[in-house]
Amino acid sequence: MAAITIVSYTGITAKANASKAQSAAKSAQSTAETFFAENNYYPGTNATFHAGATAKLPAGTVIVADAASTPVIAGWDTTFSQVALSCVTAAASCSAGDTAKNITGLRFAYWDPSGTPGIKYVYVGTATSGSTYVY
């Protein structure tokens, strides 16, 4: 009986964490769209995401720079409130694109621990699964 309870609890926890991670990514997506409507470019840094006039991330949600094409691994974000950012821009990095105000799309990566654990993505603007990204 104890084994059934532990397996069930683990599954429920994984689903709750997956929901929290997806919520953080969707919040980032919504904030980015509002920021774009106000500024005509997408934000490329955590500071810019938190500095918009009306487009601000919820407290506790953090945007981190993507270090590679698949930076999010199991255990990377134990709070499930961080989102890894990749940008579509003519600049050399998201930060440079933020300064140049020429980011046209974003990809948010987050770790989903439920079901078959893995990286999930949320796209904004011109970003697609086939886009070329900078970090």
Protein backbone atom coordinates (compact mmCIF):
# COMPACT_ATOMS: atom_id res chain seq x y z
CA MET A 1 0.00 0.00 0.00
CA ALA A 2 2.84 2.42 0.83
CA ALA A 3 4.42 1.87 -2.60
CA ILE A 4 1.18 2.83 -4.34
CA THR A 5 0.94 5.99 -2.24
CA ILE A 6 4.52 7.03 -3.02
CA VAL A 7 4.12 6.47 -6.78
CA SER A 8 0.84 8.39 -6.76
CA TYR A 9 2.34 11.28 -4.77
CA THR A 10 5.36 11.46 -7.11
CA GLY A 11 3.07 11.64 -10.15
CA ILE A 12 0.95 14.37 -8.57
CA THR A 13 4.04 16.39 -7.64
CA ALA A 14 5.46 16.08 -11.18
CA LYS A 15 2.17 17.28 -12.67
CA ALA A 16 2.03 20.23 -10.25
CA ASN A 17 5.62 21.21 -11.08
CA ALA A 18 4.92 20.87 -14.81
CA SER A 19 1.91 23.15 -14.44
CA LYS A 20 4.00 25.71 -12.55
CA ALA A 21 6.77 25.63 -15.18
CA GLN A 22 4.29 25.98 -18.04
CA SER A 23 2.57 28.84 -16.23
CA ALA A 24 5.92 30.66 -15.93
CA ALA A 25 6.53 30.22 -19.67
CA LYS A 26 3.00 31.38 -20.55
CA SER A 27 3.43 34.43 -18.26
CA ALA A 28 6.66 35.25 -20.08
CA GLN A 29 4.87 34.85 -23.42
CA SER A 30 2.02 37.16 -22.37
CA THR A 31 4.43 39.73 -20.93
CA ALA A 32 6.51 39.67 -24.12
CA GLU A 33 3.42 40.26 -26.30
CA THR A 34 2.31 43.20 -24.14
CA PHE A 35 5.85 44.61 -24.17
CA PHE A 36 5.92 44.32 -27.98
CA ALA A 37 2.60 46.16 -28.28
CA GLU A 38 4.04 49.01 -26.19
CA ASN A 39 7.57 49.14 -27.67
CA ASN A 40 7.50 47.46 -31.12
CA TYR A 41 10.27 44.98 -30.17
CA TYR A 42 10.56 42.06 -27.78
CA PRO A 43 12.53 42.21 -24.53
CA GLY A 44 15.78 40.25 -24.44
CA THR A 45 16.86 40.32 -20.79
CA ASN A 46 15.34 39.54 -17.40
CA ALA A 47 15.78 43.21 -16.42
CA THR A 48 13.83 44.41 -19.46
CA PHE A 49 11.08 41.87 -18.78
CA HIS A 50 10.66 43.35 -15.31
CA ALA A 51 11.01 47.01 -16.38
CA GLY A 52 8.06 47.48 -18.76
CA ALA A 53 5.45 50.14 -18.06
CA THR A 54 2.57 47.67 -17.96
CA ALA A 55 4.29 44.50 -19.21
CA LYS A 56 5.95 42.98 -16.17
CA LEU A 57 6.55 39.38 -15.20
CA PRO A 58 4.85 38.10 -12.07
CA ALA A 59 7.07 38.26 -8.99
CA GLY A 60 9.21 35.15 -8.73
CA THR A 61 9.32 34.40 -12.47
CA VAL A 62 12.87 34.70 -13.79
CA ILE A 63 14.13 34.83 -17.37
CA VAL A 64 17.58 33.30 -17.83
CA ALA A 65 19.70 33.36 -20.97
CA ASP A 66 19.79 30.14 -22.94
CA ALA A 67 23.34 28.78 -23.00
CA ALA A 68 22.81 26.37 -25.90
CA SER A 69 19.99 24.98 -28.01
CA THR A 70 18.84 22.64 -25.21
CA PRO A 71 19.92 24.18 -21.90
CA VAL A 72 17.14 22.96 -19.69
CA ILE A 73 17.84 19.65 -17.99
CA ALA A 74 16.33 17.77 -15.09
CA GLY A 75 17.14 19.54 -11.86
CA TRP A 76 18.02 22.82 -13.62
CA ASP A 77 15.14 24.75 -12.09
CA THR A 78 13.97 23.16 -8.87
CA THR A 79 11.49 26.02 -8.29
CA PHE A 80 9.92 25.62 -11.75
CA SER A 81 9.78 29.42 -12.07
CA GLN A 82 12.72 30.00 -14.43
CA VAL A 83 12.36 30.21 -18.19
CA ALA A 84 15.33 29.98 -20.59
CA LEU A 85 15.23 32.62 -23.34
CA SER A 86 16.42 32.42 -26.96
CA CYS A 87 15.91 35.28 -29.45
CA VAL A 88 15.36 35.84 -33.16
CA THR A 89 17.38 38.97 -33.91
CA ALA A 90 20.03 40.30 -36.29
CA ALA A 91 22.18 41.02 -33.22
CA ALA A 92 24.80 38.64 -31.82
CA SER A 93 22.90 37.96 -28.57
CA CYS A 94 19.57 38.53 -26.84
CA SER A 95 21.18 41.25 -24.73
CA ALA A 96 22.56 43.02 -27.83
CA GLY A 97 19.19 42.64 -29.56
CA ASP A 98 17.53 44.16 -26.51
CA THR A 99 19.88 47.15 -26.70
CA ALA A 100 19.36 47.49 -30.47
CA LYS A 101 15.59 47.03 -30.04
CA ASN A 102 15.44 44.60 -32.96
CA ILE A 103 14.24 41.31 -31.47
CA THR A 104 11.44 39.92 -33.65
CA GLY A 105 10.76 36.62 -31.89
CA LEU A 106 11.40 34.66 -28.71
CA ARG A 107 11.55 31.03 -27.63
CA PHE A 108 10.98 30.18 -23.98
CA ALA A 109 12.26 26.78 -22.80
CA TYR A 110 11.13 25.11 -19.60
CA TRP A 111 11.55 21.69 -18.01
CA ASP A 112 8.43 19.53 -17.87
CA PRO A 113 8.96 16.72 -15.32
CA SER A 114 5.63 14.97 -15.95
CA GLY A 115 4.86 12.03 -18.22
CA THR A 116 7.99 11.66 -20.33
CA PRO A 117 10.19 14.39 -18.80
CA GLY A 118 11.71 16.81 -21.27
CA ILE A 119 12.11 20.32 -22.56
CA LYS A 120 9.01 22.15 -23.78
CA TYR A 121 8.89 25.40 -25.73
CA VAL A 122 6.61 28.41 -26.02
CA TYR A 123 7.11 30.70 -29.05
CA VAL A 124 6.46 34.43 -29.51
CA GLY A 125 6.45 36.64 -32.62
CA THR A 126 8.38 35.29 -35.61
CA ALA A 127 9.94 32.44 -33.58
CA THR A 128 9.19 28.87 -34.68
CA SER A 129 10.75 25.46 -34.11
CA GLY A 130 12.80 26.03 -37.28
CA SER A 131 14.12 29.51 -36.42
CA THR A 132 17.79 30.32 -35.90
CA TYR A 133 18.34 31.56 -32.35
CA VAL A 134 20.92 33.57 -30.44
CA TYR A 135 21.32 33.42 -26.70
